[in-house]
Protein backbone atom coordinates (compact mmCIF):
# COMPACT_ATOMS: atom_id res chain seq x y z
CA MET A 1 -60.90 -73.82 -93.25
CA SER A 2 -61.48 -77.31 -92.09
CA TYR A 3 -58.36 -79.41 -91.37
CA GLN A 4 -57.80 -83.08 -91.50
CA ALA A 5 -55.74 -83.09 -88.28
CA ASP A 6 -54.71 -80.96 -85.37
CA LEU A 7 -51.07 -81.51 -86.17
CA ALA A 8 -49.04 -82.70 -89.12
CA VAL A 9 -45.66 -84.43 -88.31
CA LEU A 10 -42.98 -84.62 -91.02
CA TYR A 11 -40.79 -87.59 -90.61
CA GLU A 12 -38.38 -90.01 -92.37
CA HIS A 13 -36.98 -92.53 -89.79
CA PRO A 14 -39.05 -95.51 -89.46
CA GLU A 15 -38.53 -95.83 -85.57
CA TRP A 16 -37.55 -92.54 -84.16
CA GLN A 17 -41.16 -90.99 -84.16
CA LYS A 18 -42.95 -93.94 -82.68
CA PRO A 19 -42.81 -92.70 -79.01
CA LEU A 20 -44.01 -89.37 -80.16
CA PHE A 21 -46.89 -90.87 -82.13
CA ALA A 22 -47.84 -93.06 -79.13
CA ALA A 23 -47.94 -90.03 -76.77
CA LEU A 24 -50.01 -88.01 -79.23
CA GLU A 25 -52.47 -90.96 -79.51
CA ARG A 26 -52.64 -91.27 -75.78
CA ARG A 27 -53.61 -87.59 -75.55
CA GLY A 28 -56.15 -87.81 -78.32
CA VAL A 29 -54.41 -85.39 -80.54
CA ARG A 30 -55.53 -85.95 -84.14
CA TYR A 31 -52.18 -85.95 -86.13
CA ALA A 32 -51.25 -86.57 -89.75
CA ALA A 33 -47.96 -88.63 -90.12
CA VAL A 34 -46.31 -87.33 -93.30
CA ASP A 35 -43.58 -89.76 -94.55
CA LEU A 36 -40.94 -87.88 -96.53
CA LYS A 37 -39.19 -90.81 -98.02
CA LYS A 38 -41.43 -91.11 -101.13
CA ALA A 39 -43.64 -88.14 -101.39
CA ALA A 40 -45.36 -85.53 -103.59
CA PHE A 41 -47.07 -82.19 -103.12
CA SER A 42 -48.61 -79.42 -105.16
CA ASP A 43 -48.51 -75.71 -104.40
CA ALA A 44 -52.31 -75.77 -104.67
CA ASP A 45 -52.75 -78.41 -101.86
CA GLU A 46 -54.81 -77.47 -98.79
CA PRO A 47 -52.78 -77.87 -95.62
CA LEU A 48 -53.36 -80.96 -93.55
CA ALA A 49 -53.35 -79.12 -90.22
CA PRO A 50 -52.99 -75.60 -88.92
CA LEU A 51 -49.57 -76.56 -87.42
CA TYR A 52 -46.72 -78.69 -88.73
CA PHE A 53 -43.98 -80.24 -86.74
CA ASN A 54 -40.75 -81.07 -88.63
CA GLN A 55 -38.93 -84.11 -87.53
CA ALA A 56 -36.67 -84.69 -90.66
CA SER A 57 -33.00 -85.55 -90.13
CA PRO A 58 -29.87 -84.69 -92.07
CA SER A 59 -28.72 -88.30 -91.60
CA ALA A 60 -31.55 -89.60 -93.97
CA TYR A 61 -28.95 -90.28 -96.65
CA VAL A 62 -27.20 -92.82 -94.52
CA ARG A 63 -30.38 -94.87 -94.64
CA GLY A 64 -30.70 -94.57 -98.41
CA ASN A 65 -33.33 -91.77 -98.09
CA ALA A 66 -31.28 -88.77 -99.39
CA ARG A 67 -34.24 -87.42 -101.36
CA ALA A 68 -36.12 -86.84 -98.08
CA VAL A 69 -33.97 -83.95 -97.13
CA PRO A 70 -34.38 -81.60 -100.13
CA TYR A 71 -38.09 -82.57 -100.31
CA ALA A 72 -38.55 -81.69 -96.71
CA LEU A 73 -36.84 -78.27 -97.05
CA SER A 74 -38.91 -77.53 -100.36
CA TYR A 75 -42.18 -78.56 -98.68
CA MET A 76 -41.55 -76.53 -95.51
CA ARG A 77 -40.72 -73.48 -97.56
CA ALA A 78 -43.90 -73.90 -99.67
CA LEU A 79 -46.04 -74.38 -96.49
CA GLN A 80 -44.50 -71.24 -94.79
CA THR A 81 -44.90 -69.15 -97.95
CA HIS A 82 -48.63 -69.95 -97.75
CA GLY A 83 -48.67 -68.73 -94.11
CA ILE A 84 -48.66 -72.11 -92.40
CA ARG A 85 -46.66 -72.37 -89.13
CA VAL A 86 -43.97 -75.17 -89.10
CA LEU A 87 -42.23 -75.88 -85.78
CA ASN A 88 -38.50 -76.43 -86.50
CA GLY A 89 -39.33 -75.20 -89.84
CA ALA A 90 -37.25 -74.34 -92.99
CA ASP A 91 -34.84 -71.89 -91.21
CA ALA A 92 -34.20 -74.29 -88.39
CA PHE A 93 -33.76 -77.33 -90.73
CA ALA A 94 -31.38 -75.30 -93.10
CA LEU A 95 -29.28 -74.45 -90.02
CA GLU A 96 -29.13 -78.16 -89.07
CA LEU A 97 -28.11 -79.17 -92.55
CA SER A 98 -25.10 -76.83 -92.44
CA LYS A 99 -22.34 -77.45 -89.94
CA THR A 100 -20.68 -74.35 -91.49
CA ALA A 101 -23.82 -72.14 -90.75
CA GLN A 102 -23.77 -73.58 -87.21
CA ALA A 103 -20.22 -72.49 -86.82
CA ALA A 104 -20.93 -69.04 -88.20
CA LEU A 105 -23.93 -68.66 -85.82
CA LEU A 106 -21.98 -69.56 -82.84
CA ARG A 107 -19.18 -67.16 -83.76
CA ASN A 108 -21.61 -64.39 -84.36
CA LEU A 109 -23.36 -65.04 -81.01
CA GLY A 110 -20.01 -64.97 -79.12
CA VAL A 111 -20.45 -68.52 -78.13
CA PRO A 112 -17.07 -70.35 -77.87
CA ALA A 113 -16.73 -72.84 -80.74
CA PRO A 114 -13.99 -74.51 -82.74
CA ARG A 115 -12.81 -73.05 -85.83
CA VAL A 116 -13.74 -74.73 -89.15
CA TRP A 117 -12.56 -74.60 -92.66
CA THR A 118 -15.12 -75.58 -95.38
CA PHE A 119 -14.02 -76.82 -98.82
CA ASN A 120 -15.17 -78.53 -102.05
CA ASP A 121 -11.72 -79.08 -103.50
CA LEU A 122 -8.57 -80.70 -102.07
CA GLU A 123 -6.22 -78.23 -103.83
CA ALA A 124 -8.17 -75.34 -102.45
CA ILE A 125 -7.94 -76.41 -98.84
CA ARG A 126 -4.21 -77.29 -99.46
CA ALA A 127 -3.64 -73.61 -100.00
CA ARG A 128 -5.00 -72.95 -96.41
CA ALA A 129 -3.12 -75.88 -94.78
CA HIS A 130 -0.68 -73.43 -93.04
CA GLU A 131 -3.55 -72.12 -90.90
CA ILE A 132 -4.56 -75.56 -89.68
CA THR A 133 -3.03 -77.36 -86.73
CA PHE A 134 -3.54 -81.09 -87.01
CA PRO A 135 -5.17 -83.25 -85.98
CA VAL A 136 -8.55 -82.11 -86.88
CA LEU A 137 -11.91 -83.69 -87.48
CA LEU A 138 -13.11 -84.11 -91.04
CA LYS A 139 -16.95 -83.76 -91.23
CA PRO A 140 -19.50 -83.61 -93.97
CA GLU A 141 -21.20 -80.20 -94.34
CA GLN A 142 -24.52 -82.07 -94.01
CA GLY A 143 -23.99 -84.24 -90.97
CA GLY A 144 -26.20 -86.44 -89.01
CA SER A 145 -25.73 -89.38 -86.50
CA GLY A 146 -21.94 -88.96 -86.62
CA ALA A 147 -21.79 -90.13 -90.20
CA ARG A 148 -18.35 -89.95 -91.95
CA ILE A 149 -16.55 -88.01 -89.18
CA VAL A 150 -12.75 -88.98 -89.00
CA LEU A 151 -9.98 -87.72 -86.97
CA VAL A 152 -7.34 -86.63 -89.56
CA GLU A 153 -3.70 -86.65 -88.40
CA SER A 154 -2.11 -84.74 -91.33
CA PHE A 155 -2.84 -83.28 -94.69
CA ALA A 156 -1.31 -86.32 -96.26
CA HIS A 157 -3.84 -88.39 -94.27
CA LEU A 158 -6.63 -86.26 -95.61
CA GLU A 159 -5.35 -86.75 -99.18
CA ALA A 160 -5.19 -90.59 -98.79
CA LEU A 161 -8.53 -90.81 -97.20
CA LEU A 162 -10.33 -88.97 -99.87
CA ARG A 163 -8.45 -90.79 -102.60
CA GLU A 164 -9.34 -94.15 -101.06
CA LYS A 165 -13.01 -93.27 -99.97
CA PRO A 166 -14.45 -90.68 -102.33
CA GLU A 167 -17.87 -91.45 -100.70
CA HIS A 168 -16.83 -89.01 -97.90
CA TRP A 169 -17.74 -86.25 -100.18
CA LEU A 170 -21.41 -87.40 -99.91
CA PRO A 171 -24.05 -86.30 -99.80
CA ASP A 172 -23.39 -82.67 -101.13
CA ASN A 173 -19.65 -82.63 -102.10
CA LEU A 174 -18.84 -80.24 -99.34
CA LEU A 175 -16.55 -80.98 -96.37
CA LEU A 176 -15.23 -79.13 -93.38
CA LEU A 177 -12.27 -79.55 -91.03
CA GLN A 178 -12.99 -78.66 -87.52
CA GLU A 179 -10.43 -77.63 -85.02
CA TYR A 180 -9.74 -80.63 -82.64
CA LEU A 181 -10.01 -79.73 -78.92
CA ASP A 182 -8.44 -81.99 -76.24
CA SER A 183 -10.87 -83.03 -73.57
CA ASP A 184 -11.15 -85.70 -70.81
CA PRO A 185 -12.76 -88.78 -72.35
CA ALA A 186 -14.08 -89.79 -68.97
CA LYS A 187 -16.10 -86.59 -68.86
CA GLY A 188 -17.44 -86.97 -72.51
CA ILE A 189 -19.61 -84.33 -73.94
CA VAL A 190 -22.77 -82.62 -72.70
CA ARG A 191 -26.01 -82.56 -74.61
CA MET A 192 -28.68 -80.20 -73.55
CA GLU A 193 -32.33 -80.69 -74.77
CA PHE A 194 -34.32 -77.63 -75.24
CA LEU A 195 -38.20 -77.40 -75.72
CA GLY A 196 -39.91 -74.09 -76.38
CA GLY A 197 -36.65 -72.24 -75.60
CA GLU A 198 -36.24 -73.76 -72.09
CA LEU A 199 -33.88 -76.51 -70.93
CA LEU A 200 -35.77 -79.72 -70.70
CA TYR A 201 -32.86 -81.78 -69.38
CA ALA A 202 -29.22 -82.47 -69.97
CA MET A 203 -27.03 -85.51 -70.10
CA ARG A 204 -23.29 -86.51 -70.14
CA VAL A 205 -22.41 -88.70 -73.06
CA ILE A 206 -19.28 -90.88 -72.84
CA SER A 207 -18.51 -91.85 -76.36
CA HIS A 208 -15.67 -94.48 -76.06
CA GLY A 209 -14.40 -92.93 -79.39
CA ARG A 210 -17.66 -93.24 -81.23
CA PHE A 211 -18.98 -90.24 -83.33
CA ASN A 212 -22.58 -91.50 -83.50
CA LEU A 213 -23.99 -90.04 -80.25
CA CYS A 214 -27.58 -90.07 -81.34
CA PRO A 215 -29.49 -90.39 -78.03
CA SER A 216 -32.34 -92.51 -79.42
CA PRO A 217 -32.32 -96.05 -78.04
CA VAL A 218 -32.84 -97.20 -81.60
CA CYS A 219 -29.47 -95.81 -82.48
CA ASN A 220 -27.55 -96.49 -79.23
CA SER A 221 -29.27 -98.98 -76.95
CA GLU A 222 -28.11 -99.53 -73.29
CA THR A 223 -26.23 -102.63 -74.36
CA ALA A 224 -24.98 -102.22 -77.90
CA GLY A 225 -23.89 -99.65 -80.32
CA CYS A 226 -24.45 -99.11 -83.94
CA GLU A 227 -23.09 -101.88 -86.30
CA ALA A 228 -20.53 -99.52 -88.07
CA GLU A 229 -18.79 -98.78 -84.81
CA ASN A 230 -19.27 -102.05 -82.90
CA SER A 231 -15.60 -102.51 -82.19
CA ALA A 232 -15.94 -99.95 -79.48
CA PRO A 233 -18.05 -100.17 -76.25
CA PRO A 234 -21.46 -98.62 -76.51
CA ALA A 235 -21.90 -94.91 -75.82
CA GLU A 236 -23.16 -94.16 -72.30
CA PHE A 237 -25.83 -91.54 -71.52
CA HIS A 238 -26.01 -90.26 -67.99
CA PRO A 239 -28.35 -87.69 -66.45
CA TYR A 240 -26.56 -84.40 -65.86
CA ARG A 241 -27.97 -82.02 -63.32
CA GLU A 242 -25.26 -79.59 -62.58
CA VAL A 243 -25.19 -77.85 -65.97
CA PRO A 244 -23.25 -74.63 -65.54
CA PRO A 245 -25.67 -71.62 -65.91
CA GLN A 246 -23.48 -70.06 -68.55
CA ALA A 247 -23.90 -73.20 -70.69
CA VAL A 248 -27.65 -72.94 -70.29
CA ALA A 249 -27.61 -69.27 -71.13
CA TRP A 250 -25.55 -69.88 -74.33
CA GLY A 251 -27.92 -72.79 -75.28
CA LYS A 252 -30.90 -70.41 -74.94
CA ARG A 253 -29.22 -67.90 -77.11
CA ILE A 254 -28.54 -70.52 -79.72
CA VAL A 255 -32.05 -71.93 -79.97
CA ALA A 256 -33.55 -68.38 -80.07
CA ALA A 257 -31.36 -67.20 -82.93
CA GLY A 258 -31.65 -70.48 -84.73
CA LYS A 259 -35.40 -70.47 -84.58
CA LEU A 260 -35.38 -73.79 -82.96
CA ASP A 261 -38.55 -74.89 -81.14
CA VAL A 262 -37.04 -78.38 -80.18
CA ALA A 263 -33.25 -78.79 -80.04
CA GLY A 264 -30.28 -80.72 -78.84
CA ILE A 265 -27.20 -78.51 -78.28
CA GLU A 266 -23.83 -80.17 -77.72
CA TYR A 267 -20.76 -78.87 -75.99
CA LEU A 268 -17.48 -80.29 -74.50
CA GLU A 269 -15.24 -79.10 -71.73
CA THR A 270 -11.63 -78.76 -72.60
CA ARG A 271 -8.81 -79.89 -70.29
CA ASP A 272 -8.29 -76.26 -69.36
CA GLY A 273 -11.92 -75.86 -68.32
CA ARG A 274 -13.39 -74.07 -71.26
CA LEU A 275 -16.97 -74.85 -72.53
CA VAL A 276 -16.90 -75.17 -76.38
CA PHE A 277 -20.06 -75.64 -78.33
CA TYR A 278 -19.81 -77.66 -81.50
CA ASP A 279 -23.25 -79.23 -82.65
CA VAL A 280 -26.81 -78.01 -83.10
CA ASN A 281 -29.51 -80.57 -83.69
CA ALA A 282 -33.06 -79.60 -84.71
CA ASN A 283 -34.29 -83.20 -84.89
CA SER A 284 -33.87 -83.84 -81.19
CA ASN A 285 -34.12 -87.56 -80.37
CA LEU A 286 -35.01 -87.72 -76.74
CA ARG A 287 -33.74 -90.55 -74.39
CA PRO A 288 -36.58 -91.80 -72.19
CA SER A 289 -34.22 -93.41 -69.58
CA VAL A 290 -32.39 -90.17 -68.98
CA ALA A 291 -35.62 -88.07 -68.84
CA GLN A 292 -37.11 -90.57 -66.44
CA ALA A 293 -34.25 -90.00 -64.04
CA PHE A 294 -35.52 -86.54 -63.90
CA GLY A 295 -39.06 -87.83 -63.22
CA PHE A 296 -40.89 -87.33 -66.44
CA ASP A 297 -41.66 -88.79 -69.80
CA PRO A 298 -40.00 -86.56 -72.49
CA PHE A 299 -42.48 -87.26 -75.14
CA GLU A 300 -45.38 -86.31 -72.85
CA ARG A 301 -43.54 -82.94 -72.33
CA VAL A 302 -43.22 -82.48 -76.03
CA VAL A 303 -47.06 -83.16 -76.53
CA ASP A 304 -47.70 -80.65 -73.71
CA PHE A 305 -45.72 -78.18 -75.76
CA LEU A 306 -47.38 -79.02 -79.14
CA ALA A 307 -50.87 -78.83 -77.47
CA ARG A 308 -50.13 -75.35 -76.29
CA GLU A 309 -48.78 -74.33 -79.73
CA ILE A 310 -51.89 -75.78 -81.39
CA ARG A 311 -54.26 -73.80 -79.06
CA ALA A 312 -52.21 -70.63 -79.42
CA TYR A 313 -52.23 -70.83 -83.17
CA GLU A 314 -55.93 -71.66 -83.25
CA GLY A 315 -56.48 -68.46 -81.24
CA PHE A 316 -54.47 -66.53 -83.80
CA LEU A 317 -56.56 -68.03 -86.63
CA ARG A 318 -59.76 -66.96 -84.98
CA PHE A 319 -58.43 -63.52 -84.21
CA ALA A 320 -57.63 -63.31 -88.00
CA GLY A 321 -61.10 -64.35 -88.93
CA LEU A 322 -59.99 -67.84 -90.28
CA ARG A 323 -61.67 -70.98 -89.19
CA GLY A 324 -60.03 -74.25 -87.98
CA ARG A 325 -61.29 -77.06 -85.79
CA ILE A 326 -58.86 -77.92 -83.09
CA GLU A 327 -59.47 -80.65 -80.42
CA VAL A 328 -56.63 -81.19 -77.97
C-alpha cells in the first residue's frame, strides 16, 4: 500500500496544532492535517497514512464545533476496525469525553480521586442529595477547557442555576457533581505531561479561581486570561521539578490503563497533604515556556516520539508483508 503521508493528524482547533505542524515540517515528516470541523469519510477510503495521531478536543462544542467530537470518534473507530493504528485513539478519546469514566478508572486503579455523582435529571439527583456534602463542583460529563464548571453551594443553588441557565446541560444532557476538596490556592494544582508512558515534565498551575487551565498560550497567555473569566488574574504556569514519586507512579498507571499515548494528568494536594487526582486529558496542549525551563522544546519531543512510532509501525507492516513508504 502506498500512503499519501507518513502521519495523519486529526485536529479541530485552528491554533493549537500549529506548533506541532511547524515541528513536523522542520523535521521533514510528511503529514496530512485532517480538519474535523466539516468533514466526510467512507468506509471504503484508503488510509492517508500508516499512523494517525488524534488531537481532537472535548471542548470543540464551546467553539461552535460540536459535530467534530462524534465525527472524530466514529472516524477513529472505523480506522481501527480496518487495522489502522491511531495514537490517542478511540478508547483514549472516549475516556477523555467522560469525566464519569475517568472517575471510575481512577477508583478501579486505586488512585485517590474525588467522589462523583452523575445525573440526567434534577429529581433523580435530589433523591441522592443526602449523600452529598455541599459545596460541590458542577461539571458537564463532556468537559473541556473548564467549560461550565461551577462551585455549587447547596441543592437550592443547583436548582436555580439549572433553571436559569439550561445551557449547562450541554453538550450531552449529562452532568455530574464532584466532591469539593479544600486545598491551598497558593499551591494550585499540578499537571503532569506524559509522552509515550513517561513523564515529560510537570508544572504547578495557580488558577486564581479560574476553571479554564488549558496550558496552551492560545488559551492562557502569559499576560491575560480567556475573555469569559477576565475578571480574575490570569492563571500562572510554573515549572515543577519536585514531583512526588508516588504521583508519577499513579500517573503512569493512569496513562497505561487509559491507553493514552500523550496525556496531561492533573491532581491537587489537600490541606491535610493528600494527593487527589481529578482530570485526565488526552489532547495535551504543551506549554513551551514551561518545557523550555527544563531545557527542551516540547513539540520536538513529540515529533521524536511520533517518528519512533512511525518507524516501529513501518517495521510491523513489513514483517506482516504489507508495503508502506515512510521517510522520517
